[in-house]
Amino acid sequence: MSAEMTGLWSVDSGTARLNGIRCSSCGLVLFPPQLYGCPACGAGPGELIPAALPAAGRLHSFAVVNLHPSHPTPYTILEVELDSGPLVRALAASNFDPRINDRVEGHEAQVDGTPQLVFERARVPLA
């Protein structure tokens, strides 16, 4: 993996991307990145290359958290099937009323004073 890849996500020119990896042998896309090799084809760590994954996909599932010992509640955790393949868990934007199969996209927002990647309904539904 490249030493240039830092953090799990980035925003470039207003477009949010998740910093994943792709197996150069079989094409499997993984997020979060890992360094152990490809779980699908067994290729070694040297075959895993950085992949900037657009933070866009389809809402697979969600859960509203109403009780937490240290974080303000309620908040919503989403499971998003990214267009690039991986199923990821992410924080919902505070004003998002999720519905299964919604087209969603990620963007940077301040959450408790910290920049976070949050997902909400896509502004322009994709075909």
N, C-alpha and C. Protein backbone atom coordinates (compact mmCIF):
# COMPACT_ATOMS: atom_id res chain seq x y z
N MET A 1 0.85 -1.18 0.00
CA MET A 1 0.00 0.00 0.00
C MET A 1 0.88 1.23 0.00
N SER A 2 0.41 2.26 -0.64
CA SER A 2 1.16 3.50 -0.73
C SER A 2 1.19 4.21 0.61
N ALA A 3 2.35 4.76 0.95
CA ALA A 3 2.47 5.54 2.17
C ALA A 3 1.73 6.87 2.05
N GLU A 4 1.34 7.25 0.82
CA GLU A 4 0.64 8.50 0.60
C GLU A 4 -0.82 8.43 1.06
N MET A 5 -1.37 7.24 1.19
CA MET A 5 -2.76 7.09 1.58
C MET A 5 -2.86 7.22 3.10
N THR A 6 -3.50 8.29 3.54
CA THR A 6 -3.67 8.49 4.97
C THR A 6 -5.14 8.70 5.26
N GLY A 7 -5.61 8.24 6.39
CA GLY A 7 -7.00 8.40 6.75
C GLY A 7 -7.90 7.46 5.97
N LEU A 8 -9.15 7.42 6.38
CA LEU A 8 -10.10 6.54 5.72
C LEU A 8 -10.90 7.22 4.62
N TRP A 9 -10.91 8.56 4.63
CA TRP A 9 -11.68 9.27 3.61
C TRP A 9 -11.02 10.62 3.33
N SER A 10 -11.41 11.21 2.21
CA SER A 10 -10.91 12.53 1.84
C SER A 10 -11.97 13.22 0.99
N VAL A 11 -11.84 14.53 0.87
CA VAL A 11 -12.71 15.32 0.01
C VAL A 11 -11.82 16.10 -0.93
N ASP A 12 -12.05 15.96 -2.23
CA ASP A 12 -11.27 16.66 -3.23
C ASP A 12 -12.23 17.35 -4.19
N SER A 13 -12.14 18.66 -4.30
CA SER A 13 -13.02 19.44 -5.19
C SER A 13 -14.49 19.17 -4.88
N GLY A 14 -14.82 19.01 -3.61
CA GLY A 14 -16.20 18.80 -3.19
C GLY A 14 -16.69 17.37 -3.31
N THR A 15 -15.86 16.46 -3.80
CA THR A 15 -16.25 15.06 -3.95
C THR A 15 -15.62 14.22 -2.85
N ALA A 16 -16.46 13.54 -2.07
CA ALA A 16 -15.97 12.69 -0.99
C ALA A 16 -15.59 11.32 -1.55
N ARG A 17 -14.47 10.81 -1.05
CA ARG A 17 -13.99 9.49 -1.46
C ARG A 17 -13.51 8.72 -0.24
N LEU A 18 -13.75 7.42 -0.27
CA LEU A 18 -13.23 6.53 0.76
C LEU A 18 -11.90 5.98 0.25
N ASN A 19 -10.92 5.88 1.12
CA ASN A 19 -9.60 5.38 0.74
C ASN A 19 -9.56 3.87 0.95
N GLY A 20 -9.86 3.15 -0.11
CA GLY A 20 -9.89 1.69 -0.06
C GLY A 20 -8.71 1.10 -0.80
N ILE A 21 -8.82 -0.17 -1.11
CA ILE A 21 -7.80 -0.86 -1.89
C ILE A 21 -8.48 -1.75 -2.94
N ARG A 22 -7.71 -2.06 -3.99
CA ARG A 22 -8.19 -2.95 -5.05
C ARG A 22 -7.10 -3.99 -5.27
N CYS A 23 -7.52 -5.24 -5.42
CA CYS A 23 -6.57 -6.31 -5.73
C CYS A 23 -6.25 -6.23 -7.22
N SER A 24 -4.96 -6.11 -7.55
CA SER A 24 -4.58 -6.03 -8.97
C SER A 24 -4.68 -7.38 -9.67
N SER A 25 -4.82 -8.46 -8.90
CA SER A 25 -4.95 -9.79 -9.51
C SER A 25 -6.39 -10.11 -9.90
N CYS A 26 -7.33 -9.89 -8.97
CA CYS A 26 -8.72 -10.29 -9.25
C CYS A 26 -9.70 -9.12 -9.31
N GLY A 27 -9.28 -7.91 -8.90
CA GLY A 27 -10.16 -6.75 -8.98
C GLY A 27 -11.03 -6.51 -7.77
N LEU A 28 -10.96 -7.36 -6.75
CA LEU A 28 -11.78 -7.16 -5.55
C LEU A 28 -11.46 -5.81 -4.93
N VAL A 29 -12.52 -5.08 -4.54
CA VAL A 29 -12.37 -3.79 -3.88
C VAL A 29 -12.71 -3.97 -2.41
N LEU A 30 -11.85 -3.44 -1.54
CA LEU A 30 -12.04 -3.58 -0.09
C LEU A 30 -12.03 -2.23 0.60
N PHE A 31 -12.90 -2.09 1.59
CA PHE A 31 -12.88 -0.96 2.50
C PHE A 31 -13.39 -1.46 3.84
N PRO A 32 -12.71 -1.16 4.93
CA PRO A 32 -11.48 -0.38 5.00
C PRO A 32 -10.30 -1.17 4.45
N PRO A 33 -9.22 -0.44 4.10
CA PRO A 33 -8.05 -1.13 3.57
C PRO A 33 -7.39 -2.02 4.61
N GLN A 34 -6.76 -3.07 4.16
CA GLN A 34 -6.00 -3.96 5.04
C GLN A 34 -4.76 -4.40 4.28
N LEU A 35 -3.78 -4.90 5.00
CA LEU A 35 -2.47 -5.18 4.40
C LEU A 35 -2.13 -6.66 4.34
N TYR A 36 -3.09 -7.56 4.53
CA TYR A 36 -2.78 -8.98 4.67
C TYR A 36 -2.82 -9.76 3.37
N GLY A 37 -3.29 -9.15 2.30
CA GLY A 37 -3.46 -9.86 1.05
C GLY A 37 -4.93 -9.94 0.69
N CYS A 38 -5.21 -10.46 -0.48
CA CYS A 38 -6.59 -10.52 -0.97
C CYS A 38 -7.32 -11.72 -0.40
N PRO A 39 -8.48 -11.50 0.25
CA PRO A 39 -9.24 -12.61 0.80
C PRO A 39 -9.97 -13.43 -0.27
N ALA A 40 -10.09 -12.89 -1.49
CA ALA A 40 -10.80 -13.61 -2.55
C ALA A 40 -9.89 -14.55 -3.33
N CYS A 41 -8.72 -14.05 -3.74
CA CYS A 41 -7.86 -14.87 -4.61
C CYS A 41 -6.56 -15.29 -3.96
N GLY A 42 -6.27 -14.76 -2.77
CA GLY A 42 -5.05 -15.13 -2.06
C GLY A 42 -3.81 -14.38 -2.49
N ALA A 43 -3.95 -13.37 -3.36
CA ALA A 43 -2.79 -12.58 -3.78
C ALA A 43 -2.15 -11.92 -2.56
N GLY A 44 -0.85 -11.75 -2.61
CA GLY A 44 -0.12 -11.18 -1.49
C GLY A 44 -0.33 -9.69 -1.33
N PRO A 45 0.17 -9.13 -0.24
CA PRO A 45 0.00 -7.71 0.05
C PRO A 45 0.52 -6.79 -1.06
N GLY A 46 1.54 -7.22 -1.78
CA GLY A 46 2.08 -6.41 -2.86
C GLY A 46 1.12 -6.22 -4.03
N GLU A 47 0.07 -7.03 -4.09
CA GLU A 47 -0.92 -6.92 -5.17
C GLU A 47 -2.06 -5.98 -4.82
N LEU A 48 -2.07 -5.42 -3.61
CA LEU A 48 -3.13 -4.51 -3.19
C LEU A 48 -2.69 -3.08 -3.48
N ILE A 49 -3.52 -2.37 -4.24
CA ILE A 49 -3.18 -1.00 -4.63
C ILE A 49 -4.25 -0.04 -4.09
N PRO A 50 -3.86 1.19 -3.74
CA PRO A 50 -4.83 2.16 -3.25
C PRO A 50 -5.92 2.41 -4.28
N ALA A 51 -7.13 2.62 -3.79
CA ALA A 51 -8.27 2.91 -4.66
C ALA A 51 -9.13 3.97 -4.00
N ALA A 52 -9.34 5.09 -4.69
CA ALA A 52 -10.22 6.14 -4.20
C ALA A 52 -11.64 5.77 -4.61
N LEU A 53 -12.47 5.44 -3.63
CA LEU A 53 -13.83 4.95 -3.89
C LEU A 53 -14.83 6.08 -3.71
N PRO A 54 -15.58 6.44 -4.75
CA PRO A 54 -16.58 7.49 -4.57
C PRO A 54 -17.54 7.12 -3.43
N ALA A 55 -17.82 8.10 -2.58
CA ALA A 55 -18.70 7.89 -1.43
C ALA A 55 -20.15 8.03 -1.89
N ALA A 56 -20.58 7.07 -2.69
CA ALA A 56 -21.93 7.07 -3.23
C ALA A 56 -22.38 5.63 -3.39
N GLY A 57 -23.68 5.41 -3.17
CA GLY A 57 -24.21 4.07 -3.32
C GLY A 57 -25.67 3.99 -2.93
N ARG A 58 -26.06 2.81 -2.46
CA ARG A 58 -27.46 2.51 -2.13
C ARG A 58 -27.55 2.15 -0.66
N LEU A 59 -28.56 2.70 0.02
CA LEU A 59 -28.77 2.40 1.43
C LEU A 59 -29.29 0.98 1.58
N HIS A 60 -28.52 0.16 2.24
CA HIS A 60 -28.84 -1.25 2.43
C HIS A 60 -29.63 -1.46 3.72
N SER A 61 -29.23 -0.77 4.79
CA SER A 61 -29.87 -0.92 6.10
C SER A 61 -29.49 0.27 6.97
N PHE A 62 -30.19 0.43 8.10
CA PHE A 62 -29.82 1.49 9.04
C PHE A 62 -30.34 1.15 10.43
N ALA A 63 -29.76 1.79 11.42
CA ALA A 63 -30.20 1.63 12.81
C ALA A 63 -30.09 2.98 13.51
N VAL A 64 -31.12 3.32 14.28
CA VAL A 64 -31.11 4.54 15.08
C VAL A 64 -30.60 4.18 16.47
N VAL A 65 -29.57 4.89 16.91
CA VAL A 65 -29.00 4.67 18.24
C VAL A 65 -29.62 5.69 19.18
N ASN A 66 -30.33 5.20 20.20
CA ASN A 66 -31.00 6.08 21.15
C ASN A 66 -30.32 6.16 22.50
N LEU A 67 -29.36 5.29 22.75
CA LEU A 67 -28.68 5.28 24.04
C LEU A 67 -27.21 4.98 23.82
N HIS A 68 -26.36 5.87 24.31
CA HIS A 68 -24.91 5.67 24.21
C HIS A 68 -24.27 6.32 25.43
N PRO A 69 -23.27 5.67 26.03
CA PRO A 69 -22.70 6.21 27.26
C PRO A 69 -21.92 7.52 27.08
N SER A 70 -21.45 7.82 25.86
CA SER A 70 -20.63 9.03 25.73
C SER A 70 -20.99 9.94 24.56
N HIS A 71 -21.73 9.45 23.58
CA HIS A 71 -22.08 10.28 22.42
C HIS A 71 -23.51 10.79 22.55
N PRO A 72 -23.76 12.03 22.10
CA PRO A 72 -25.14 12.54 22.11
C PRO A 72 -26.03 11.68 21.21
N THR A 73 -27.22 11.42 21.66
CA THR A 73 -28.19 10.63 20.90
C THR A 73 -29.42 11.47 20.63
N PRO A 74 -30.26 11.09 19.68
CA PRO A 74 -30.11 9.94 18.79
C PRO A 74 -29.20 10.28 17.61
N TYR A 75 -28.65 9.22 17.01
CA TYR A 75 -27.93 9.32 15.75
C TYR A 75 -28.20 8.04 14.98
N THR A 76 -27.93 8.08 13.69
CA THR A 76 -28.27 6.95 12.82
C THR A 76 -27.01 6.42 12.14
N ILE A 77 -26.85 5.10 12.21
CA ILE A 77 -25.77 4.40 11.52
C ILE A 77 -26.36 3.74 10.28
N LEU A 78 -25.71 3.93 9.15
CA LEU A 78 -26.18 3.37 7.88
C LEU A 78 -25.26 2.25 7.42
N GLU A 79 -25.82 1.31 6.69
CA GLU A 79 -25.04 0.36 5.91
C GLU A 79 -25.27 0.73 4.46
N VAL A 80 -24.19 1.12 3.78
CA VAL A 80 -24.27 1.59 2.40
C VAL A 80 -23.51 0.63 1.50
N GLU A 81 -24.18 0.16 0.46
CA GLU A 81 -23.51 -0.62 -0.57
C GLU A 81 -22.95 0.36 -1.59
N LEU A 82 -21.64 0.57 -1.54
CA LEU A 82 -21.01 1.52 -2.45
C LEU A 82 -21.15 1.07 -3.90
N ASP A 83 -21.19 2.02 -4.81
CA ASP A 83 -21.25 1.69 -6.23
C ASP A 83 -20.04 0.86 -6.65
N SER A 84 -18.93 1.03 -5.94
CA SER A 84 -17.71 0.27 -6.25
C SER A 84 -17.71 -1.12 -5.64
N GLY A 85 -18.75 -1.47 -4.85
CA GLY A 85 -18.88 -2.83 -4.36
C GLY A 85 -18.95 -3.04 -2.87
N PRO A 86 -18.02 -2.49 -2.08
CA PRO A 86 -18.03 -2.81 -0.65
C PRO A 86 -19.29 -2.32 0.08
N LEU A 87 -19.65 -3.04 1.11
CA LEU A 87 -20.71 -2.65 2.03
C LEU A 87 -20.03 -2.01 3.23
N VAL A 88 -20.35 -0.73 3.50
CA VAL A 88 -19.69 0.01 4.57
C VAL A 88 -20.71 0.54 5.56
N ARG A 89 -20.25 0.74 6.78
CA ARG A 89 -21.08 1.40 7.81
C ARG A 89 -20.64 2.85 7.90
N ALA A 90 -21.62 3.74 8.04
CA ALA A 90 -21.32 5.17 8.05
C ALA A 90 -22.36 5.91 8.88
N LEU A 91 -22.01 7.11 9.27
CA LEU A 91 -22.89 7.98 10.03
C LEU A 91 -23.82 8.70 9.07
N ALA A 92 -25.10 8.82 9.45
CA ALA A 92 -26.07 9.57 8.65
C ALA A 92 -25.98 11.05 9.01
N ALA A 93 -26.23 11.91 8.04
CA ALA A 93 -26.35 13.34 8.31
C ALA A 93 -27.50 13.53 9.29
N SER A 94 -27.40 14.54 10.13
CA SER A 94 -28.39 14.72 11.21
C SER A 94 -29.80 14.97 10.69
N ASN A 95 -29.95 15.53 9.50
CA ASN A 95 -31.28 15.83 8.96
C ASN A 95 -31.80 14.77 8.00
N PHE A 96 -31.15 13.63 7.90
CA PHE A 96 -31.49 12.59 6.93
C PHE A 96 -32.52 11.63 7.51
N ASP A 97 -33.64 11.47 6.80
CA ASP A 97 -34.67 10.50 7.15
C ASP A 97 -34.50 9.31 6.21
N PRO A 98 -33.74 8.28 6.63
CA PRO A 98 -33.36 7.21 5.71
C PRO A 98 -34.51 6.29 5.29
N ARG A 99 -34.40 5.81 4.06
CA ARG A 99 -35.32 4.80 3.53
C ARG A 99 -34.47 3.78 2.78
N ILE A 100 -34.75 2.51 3.03
CA ILE A 100 -34.01 1.43 2.36
C ILE A 100 -34.06 1.65 0.85
N ASN A 101 -32.95 1.40 0.19
CA ASN A 101 -32.74 1.55 -1.25
C ASN A 101 -32.58 2.99 -1.72
N ASP A 102 -32.57 3.98 -0.80
CA ASP A 102 -32.27 5.36 -1.18
C ASP A 102 -30.90 5.41 -1.86
N ARG A 103 -30.76 6.27 -2.85
CA ARG A 103 -29.44 6.63 -3.37
C ARG A 103 -28.85 7.60 -2.36
N VAL A 104 -27.64 7.34 -1.90
CA VAL A 104 -27.00 8.19 -0.90
C VAL A 104 -25.61 8.60 -1.37
N GLU A 105 -25.12 9.70 -0.78
CA GLU A 105 -23.78 10.17 -1.07
C GLU A 105 -23.19 10.76 0.20
N GLY A 106 -21.89 10.68 0.30
CA GLY A 106 -21.20 11.19 1.47
C GLY A 106 -20.66 12.59 1.24
N HIS A 107 -20.57 13.33 2.34
CA HIS A 107 -19.95 14.65 2.30
C HIS A 107 -19.38 14.95 3.68
N GLU A 108 -18.50 15.92 3.74
CA GLU A 108 -17.89 16.30 5.00
C GLU A 108 -18.82 17.21 5.78
N ALA A 109 -18.95 16.96 7.09
CA ALA A 109 -19.75 17.80 7.98
C ALA A 109 -19.08 17.84 9.34
N GLN A 110 -19.35 18.90 10.07
CA GLN A 110 -18.85 19.01 11.44
C GLN A 110 -19.81 18.26 12.36
N VAL A 111 -19.27 17.31 13.11
CA VAL A 111 -20.06 16.55 14.08
C VAL A 111 -19.35 16.72 15.42
N ASP A 112 -20.02 17.39 16.34
CA ASP A 112 -19.42 17.69 17.65
C ASP A 112 -18.05 18.35 17.50
N GLY A 113 -17.95 19.26 16.53
CA GLY A 113 -16.72 20.02 16.33
C GLY A 113 -15.61 19.31 15.59
N THR A 114 -15.90 18.11 15.07
CA THR A 114 -14.89 17.33 14.36
C THR A 114 -15.37 17.05 12.94
N PRO A 115 -14.51 17.23 11.93
CA PRO A 115 -14.94 16.88 10.57
C PRO A 115 -15.17 15.37 10.44
N GLN A 116 -16.32 15.02 9.91
CA GLN A 116 -16.70 13.62 9.73
C GLN A 116 -17.27 13.43 8.34
N LEU A 117 -17.20 12.22 7.84
CA LEU A 117 -17.88 11.87 6.60
C LEU A 117 -19.27 11.37 6.98
N VAL A 118 -20.30 12.05 6.48
CA VAL A 118 -21.68 11.65 6.75
C VAL A 118 -22.39 11.42 5.42
N PHE A 119 -23.41 10.58 5.45
CA PHE A 119 -24.16 10.27 4.24
C PHE A 119 -25.58 10.81 4.35
N GLU A 120 -26.13 11.19 3.20
CA GLU A 120 -27.52 11.63 3.10
C GLU A 120 -28.03 11.26 1.71
N ARG A 121 -29.32 11.50 1.49
CA ARG A 121 -29.92 11.19 0.20
C ARG A 121 -29.16 11.94 -0.90
N ALA A 122 -28.91 11.26 -2.00
CA ALA A 122 -28.19 11.88 -3.12
C ALA A 122 -29.00 13.05 -3.66
N ARG A 123 -28.30 14.13 -3.97
CA ARG A 123 -28.98 15.33 -4.48
C ARG A 123 -29.55 15.09 -5.87
N VAL A 124 -28.82 14.36 -6.68
CA VAL A 124 -29.29 14.00 -8.02
C VAL A 124 -29.32 12.49 -8.08
N PRO A 125 -30.52 11.87 -8.06
CA PRO A 125 -30.58 10.41 -8.13
C PRO A 125 -29.88 9.90 -9.38
N LEU A 126 -29.08 8.85 -9.21
CA LEU A 126 -28.38 8.25 -10.34
C LEU A 126 -29.24 7.16 -10.95
N ALA A 127 -29.13 6.97 -12.24
CA ALA A 127 -29.93 5.96 -12.94
C ALA A 127 -29.50 4.57 -12.57
